[in-house]
Amino acid sequence: IYLKDFEDKNFELSRKTAEKIEFHHGVRNPIDTVTGILKNPDFVYESNWAVDHHLYYKAYNFKKFYIVAVADLAEKRIDTAYIATKIKKGKLLWKNS
């Protein structure tokens, strides 16, 4: 499955990764959820562990938690998505204003 982000970058989300996101990370409807996050993130950060990875954050429930989609820019794929209660350290690349 191929998805586009808000800047028209293309990423592949494999069915295997979508299943992992749903069953191991508890993100329901992973294809729709990741598509929504990529199209309308609240923040995009450069990963502090791999500069070719961007973390797309979307806040839910009045910012009590975020769903994060991790994109590998070099491989043009979504590596994972997960639920987080805070934003990880890294360089802020973009903020929805």
Protein backbone atom coordinates (compact mmCIF):
# COMPACT_ATOMS: atom_id res chain seq x y z
CA ILE A 1 0.00 0.00 0.00
CA TYR A 2 1.43 3.38 -0.98
CA LEU A 3 0.72 6.49 1.09
CA LYS A 4 1.58 10.17 0.66
CA ASP A 5 2.44 12.67 3.33
CA PHE A 6 1.48 16.35 3.49
CA GLU A 7 4.52 17.23 1.31
CA ASP A 8 3.64 14.60 -1.31
CA LYS A 9 6.42 12.21 -0.27
CA ASN A 10 5.51 8.59 -1.02
CA PHE A 11 5.90 5.79 1.51
CA GLU A 12 5.09 2.11 1.34
CA LEU A 13 3.18 0.50 4.18
CA SER A 14 3.39 -3.28 3.85
CA ARG A 15 0.56 -5.49 5.02
CA LYS A 16 2.96 -7.20 7.42
CA THR A 17 3.90 -3.86 8.99
CA ALA A 18 0.22 -2.83 9.18
CA GLU A 19 -0.57 -6.07 11.02
CA LYS A 20 2.33 -5.47 13.43
CA ILE A 21 1.12 -1.92 14.08
CA GLU A 22 -2.38 -3.19 14.88
CA PHE A 23 -1.65 -6.34 16.85
CA HIS A 24 1.62 -5.44 18.62
CA HIS A 25 1.22 -1.68 19.07
CA GLY A 26 -2.55 -1.45 19.54
CA VAL A 27 -3.22 1.06 16.76
CA ARG A 28 -6.62 0.26 15.26
CA ASN A 29 -7.25 0.62 11.53
CA PRO A 30 -3.53 1.16 10.89
CA ILE A 31 -3.82 1.99 7.19
CA ASP A 32 -6.39 4.73 7.75
CA THR A 33 -4.67 5.94 10.92
CA VAL A 34 -1.21 6.20 9.34
CA THR A 35 -2.67 7.83 6.23
CA GLY A 36 -4.32 10.49 8.42
CA ILE A 37 -1.16 11.12 10.42
CA LEU A 38 0.99 11.52 7.30
CA LYS A 39 -1.53 13.86 5.65
CA ASN A 40 -2.18 16.02 8.73
CA PRO A 41 0.48 15.66 11.44
CA ASP A 42 0.75 18.00 14.40
CA PHE A 43 4.55 17.73 14.45
CA VAL A 44 7.31 16.13 12.40
CA TYR A 45 10.62 15.38 14.10
CA GLU A 46 13.90 14.04 12.81
CA SER A 47 14.76 10.92 14.72
CA ASN A 48 17.60 11.32 17.21
CA TRP A 49 18.78 7.78 16.44
CA ALA A 50 18.65 7.85 12.61
CA VAL A 51 18.66 11.10 10.62
CA ASP A 52 16.97 9.39 7.67
CA HIS A 53 13.89 8.64 9.78
CA HIS A 54 11.11 11.12 10.46
CA LEU A 55 8.55 10.80 13.23
CA TYR A 56 5.08 12.12 12.40
CA TYR A 57 3.07 12.90 15.55
CA LYS A 58 -0.69 13.33 15.83
CA ALA A 59 -2.24 14.29 19.18
CA TYR A 60 -5.39 12.59 20.44
CA ASN A 61 -7.66 13.04 23.46
CA PHE A 62 -6.60 16.63 24.19
CA LYS A 63 -2.89 15.78 23.86
CA LYS A 64 -3.03 13.01 26.45
CA PHE A 65 -1.40 10.71 23.91
CA TYR A 66 0.05 10.73 20.42
CA ILE A 67 0.13 8.22 17.63
CA VAL A 68 3.53 8.31 15.95
CA ALA A 69 4.23 7.08 12.43
CA VAL A 70 7.92 6.36 11.76
CA ALA A 71 8.98 6.90 8.14
CA ASP A 72 12.25 5.67 6.67
CA LEU A 73 13.16 8.30 4.08
CA ALA A 74 15.96 6.28 2.48
CA GLU A 75 13.79 3.18 1.95
CA LYS A 76 10.59 5.21 1.39
CA ARG A 77 8.57 3.07 3.76
CA ILE A 78 6.69 3.23 7.04
CA ASP A 79 8.65 1.23 9.61
CA THR A 80 6.05 1.31 12.38
CA ALA A 81 3.46 3.33 14.23
CA TYR A 82 2.79 3.32 17.96
CA ILE A 83 1.07 5.11 20.81
CA ALA A 84 3.19 7.50 22.92
CA THR A 85 2.44 9.70 25.91
CA LYS A 86 5.15 12.24 25.11
CA ILE A 87 7.24 13.50 22.23
CA LYS A 88 10.70 11.95 21.97
CA LYS A 89 13.81 14.08 21.73
CA GLY A 90 14.84 15.06 18.25
CA LYS A 91 15.02 17.99 15.88
CA LEU A 92 11.63 19.61 15.17
CA LEU A 93 11.27 19.81 11.38
CA TRP A 94 7.69 20.98 11.05
CA LYS A 95 4.82 22.11 13.25
CA ASN A 96 1.18 22.49 12.25
CA SER A 97 0.13 26.00 13.11
